[in-house]
N, C-alpha and C. Protein backbone atom coordinates (compact mmCIF):
# COMPACT_ATOMS: atom_id res chain seq x y z
N MET A 1 -51.17 -119.56 -64.52
CA MET A 1 -50.64 -120.07 -64.01
C MET A 1 -49.11 -119.32 -64.15
N THR A 2 -48.56 -120.04 -62.84
CA THR A 2 -46.59 -119.65 -63.27
C THR A 2 -46.09 -121.25 -62.83
N LYS A 3 -45.65 -121.20 -63.52
CA LYS A 3 -44.67 -122.75 -63.38
C LYS A 3 -44.10 -122.86 -62.22
N PRO A 4 -43.55 -123.91 -61.41
CA PRO A 4 -42.84 -124.16 -60.47
C PRO A 4 -41.36 -123.82 -60.63
N ASP A 5 -39.92 -123.62 -59.97
CA ASP A 5 -39.21 -123.85 -60.38
C ASP A 5 -38.69 -125.55 -59.68
N PHE A 6 -38.61 -126.17 -60.60
CA PHE A 6 -37.97 -127.56 -61.43
C PHE A 6 -36.12 -127.47 -60.49
N LYS A 7 -35.51 -126.52 -60.19
CA LYS A 7 -34.72 -126.83 -60.20
C LYS A 7 -34.01 -126.74 -58.11
N THR A 8 -35.25 -126.11 -57.80
CA THR A 8 -35.24 -125.63 -56.17
C THR A 8 -36.07 -127.48 -55.99
N MET A 9 -36.43 -127.47 -56.63
CA MET A 9 -37.83 -128.72 -56.02
C MET A 9 -37.26 -130.07 -55.70
N PRO A 10 -38.12 -130.28 -54.33
CA PRO A 10 -36.91 -131.98 -54.35
C PRO A 10 -37.75 -133.11 -54.89
N LYS A 11 -36.10 -134.30 -55.66
CA LYS A 11 -36.82 -134.63 -56.51
C LYS A 11 -38.31 -135.07 -56.40
N ALA A 12 -38.75 -136.36 -54.96
CA ALA A 12 -39.95 -136.97 -55.11
C ALA A 12 -41.30 -135.74 -55.65
N GLU A 13 -40.85 -134.78 -55.61
CA GLU A 13 -41.40 -133.69 -55.70
C GLU A 13 -42.88 -133.60 -57.49
N LEU A 14 -40.93 -133.55 -57.89
CA LEU A 14 -40.67 -132.81 -59.06
C LEU A 14 -41.24 -134.66 -60.19
N ARG A 15 -41.13 -135.51 -59.39
CA ARG A 15 -41.19 -136.63 -60.18
C ARG A 15 -43.17 -136.98 -60.02
N ALA A 16 -44.00 -136.49 -59.23
CA ALA A 16 -45.00 -136.43 -58.86
C ALA A 16 -45.55 -135.18 -59.99
N TYR A 17 -45.47 -134.56 -60.14
CA TYR A 17 -45.05 -133.68 -61.36
C TYR A 17 -45.12 -134.01 -63.15
N VAL A 18 -43.57 -134.49 -62.73
CA VAL A 18 -43.65 -134.77 -63.72
C VAL A 18 -44.86 -136.45 -63.86
N LEU A 19 -45.20 -136.72 -63.45
CA LEU A 19 -46.37 -137.70 -63.84
C LEU A 19 -48.37 -137.35 -63.63
N GLN A 20 -48.42 -135.73 -63.17
CA GLN A 20 -49.73 -135.25 -63.34
C GLN A 20 -49.03 -134.89 -64.62
N HIS A 21 -48.43 -134.05 -64.82
CA HIS A 21 -47.99 -133.37 -66.03
C HIS A 21 -47.68 -133.98 -67.28
N PRO A 22 -47.59 -134.88 -67.66
CA PRO A 22 -46.99 -135.47 -68.41
C PRO A 22 -46.04 -134.99 -69.66
N ASP A 23 -46.84 -134.04 -70.96
CA ASP A 23 -46.41 -132.80 -71.51
C ASP A 23 -45.35 -131.79 -71.07
N ASP A 24 -45.68 -132.11 -69.48
CA ASP A 24 -44.16 -130.50 -69.70
C ASP A 24 -42.97 -131.08 -69.51
N ASN A 25 -41.79 -130.77 -70.97
CA ASN A 25 -40.78 -131.48 -71.25
C ASN A 25 -39.87 -130.62 -70.35
N GLU A 26 -39.90 -129.49 -69.94
CA GLU A 26 -39.05 -129.22 -69.00
C GLU A 26 -38.64 -129.32 -67.51
N ALA A 27 -39.93 -129.59 -67.13
CA ALA A 27 -39.67 -130.57 -65.22
C ALA A 27 -39.27 -132.46 -66.27
N PHE A 28 -39.33 -132.61 -67.41
CA PHE A 28 -39.09 -134.35 -67.50
C PHE A 28 -38.00 -134.15 -67.66
N TYR A 29 -37.10 -133.38 -68.33
CA TYR A 29 -35.84 -132.88 -68.10
C TYR A 29 -35.20 -132.96 -67.32
N GLU A 30 -35.19 -132.58 -66.15
CA GLU A 30 -35.12 -131.71 -65.22
C GLU A 30 -35.19 -133.01 -64.38
N LEU A 31 -35.97 -133.68 -64.37
CA LEU A 31 -36.26 -135.55 -63.55
C LEU A 31 -35.29 -136.02 -64.46
N SER A 32 -34.95 -136.00 -65.38
CA SER A 32 -33.84 -137.26 -66.28
C SER A 32 -32.73 -136.95 -66.03
N ASP A 33 -32.46 -135.40 -66.28
CA ASP A 33 -30.75 -135.06 -65.71
C ASP A 33 -30.78 -134.88 -64.00
N ARG A 34 -31.39 -135.29 -63.74
CA ARG A 34 -31.27 -135.97 -61.96
C ARG A 34 -30.64 -137.33 -61.99
N ILE A 35 -31.64 -137.76 -62.38
CA ILE A 35 -31.71 -139.43 -62.09
C ILE A 35 -30.78 -139.79 -63.11
N LYS A 36 -30.47 -139.39 -64.68
CA LYS A 36 -29.14 -139.92 -64.74
C LYS A 36 -27.62 -139.01 -63.60
N ALA A 37 -27.76 -138.12 -63.17
CA ALA A 37 -26.89 -137.92 -62.57
C ALA A 37 -26.27 -138.49 -61.24
N ASN A 38 -27.21 -139.21 -60.94
CA ASN A 38 -26.97 -139.66 -59.59
C ASN A 38 -27.28 -141.34 -60.20
N ALA A 39 -26.60 -141.77 -61.57
CA ALA A 39 -26.89 -143.59 -61.52
C ALA A 39 -25.36 -143.66 -61.80
N LYS A 40 -26.00 -144.97 -60.88
CA LYS A 40 -24.16 -145.80 -61.31
C LYS A 40 -23.83 -146.45 -62.45
N PRO A 41 -22.82 -146.72 -62.84
CA PRO A 41 -22.07 -147.55 -64.22
C PRO A 41 -22.71 -149.09 -63.57
N LEU A 42 -23.23 -149.61 -64.67
CA LEU A 42 -22.97 -150.98 -63.88
C LEU A 42 -22.11 -152.05 -64.92
N LYS A 43 -21.75 -152.97 -64.21
CA LYS A 43 -20.96 -154.10 -65.21
C LYS A 43 -21.83 -154.84 -65.59
N ILE A 44 -21.22 -155.63 -67.11
CA ILE A 44 -21.77 -156.08 -67.74
C ILE A 44 -22.15 -157.55 -66.62
N GLU A 45 -20.68 -158.45 -66.22
CA GLU A 45 -21.01 -159.06 -65.32
C GLU A 45 -22.20 -159.21 -64.27
N ASP A 46 -22.42 -157.82 -63.56
CA ASP A 46 -23.00 -158.03 -62.38
C ASP A 46 -24.78 -158.66 -62.55
N LEU A 47 -24.66 -158.73 -64.11
CA LEU A 47 -26.58 -157.95 -64.65
C LEU A 47 -27.32 -159.59 -64.35
N PRO A 48 -26.72 -160.38 -64.47
CA PRO A 48 -27.05 -162.17 -64.24
C PRO A 48 -27.53 -161.32 -62.71
N LYS A 49 -27.27 -161.35 -61.84
CA LYS A 49 -27.11 -161.25 -60.41
C LYS A 49 -28.17 -160.32 -59.69
N ILE A 50 -28.42 -159.37 -61.28
CA ILE A 50 -29.06 -158.27 -60.00
C ILE A 50 -30.11 -158.26 -61.00
N ILE A 51 -30.68 -159.60 -62.18
CA ILE A 51 -31.73 -159.98 -63.06
C ILE A 51 -32.80 -160.80 -61.43
N GLN A 52 -32.20 -161.61 -61.37
CA GLN A 52 -32.32 -162.62 -60.24
C GLN A 52 -33.13 -161.61 -59.07
N ARG A 53 -31.78 -160.89 -58.15
CA ARG A 53 -32.53 -160.02 -57.73
C ARG A 53 -33.47 -159.21 -57.58
N GLN A 54 -34.18 -159.57 -58.82
CA GLN A 54 -35.27 -158.31 -59.40
C GLN A 54 -36.38 -159.22 -59.32
N ARG A 55 -36.65 -160.35 -59.65
CA ARG A 55 -37.59 -161.71 -60.04
C ARG A 55 -37.29 -161.97 -58.69
N GLU A 56 -36.33 -161.91 -57.19
CA GLU A 56 -36.79 -162.47 -56.21
C GLU A 56 -37.56 -161.29 -55.45
N GLN A 57 -37.93 -160.32 -55.60
CA GLN A 57 -38.66 -158.83 -55.03
C GLN A 57 -39.84 -159.25 -55.31
N ALA A 58 -40.18 -159.32 -56.85
CA ALA A 58 -41.42 -159.28 -57.38
C ALA A 58 -42.21 -160.41 -56.76
């Protein structure tokens, strides 16, 4: 069985693959790199508002 090309795989498909293959480190690291690349910096003073929003959505 050949591995898929994780670099060209859409993020949603890669996430599904990682969930189905939790021992595949290569796929996991590709997904985590993509998540990290799209992350926004967080200001510590915004944290209480973010927590409150999450509680309201739950």
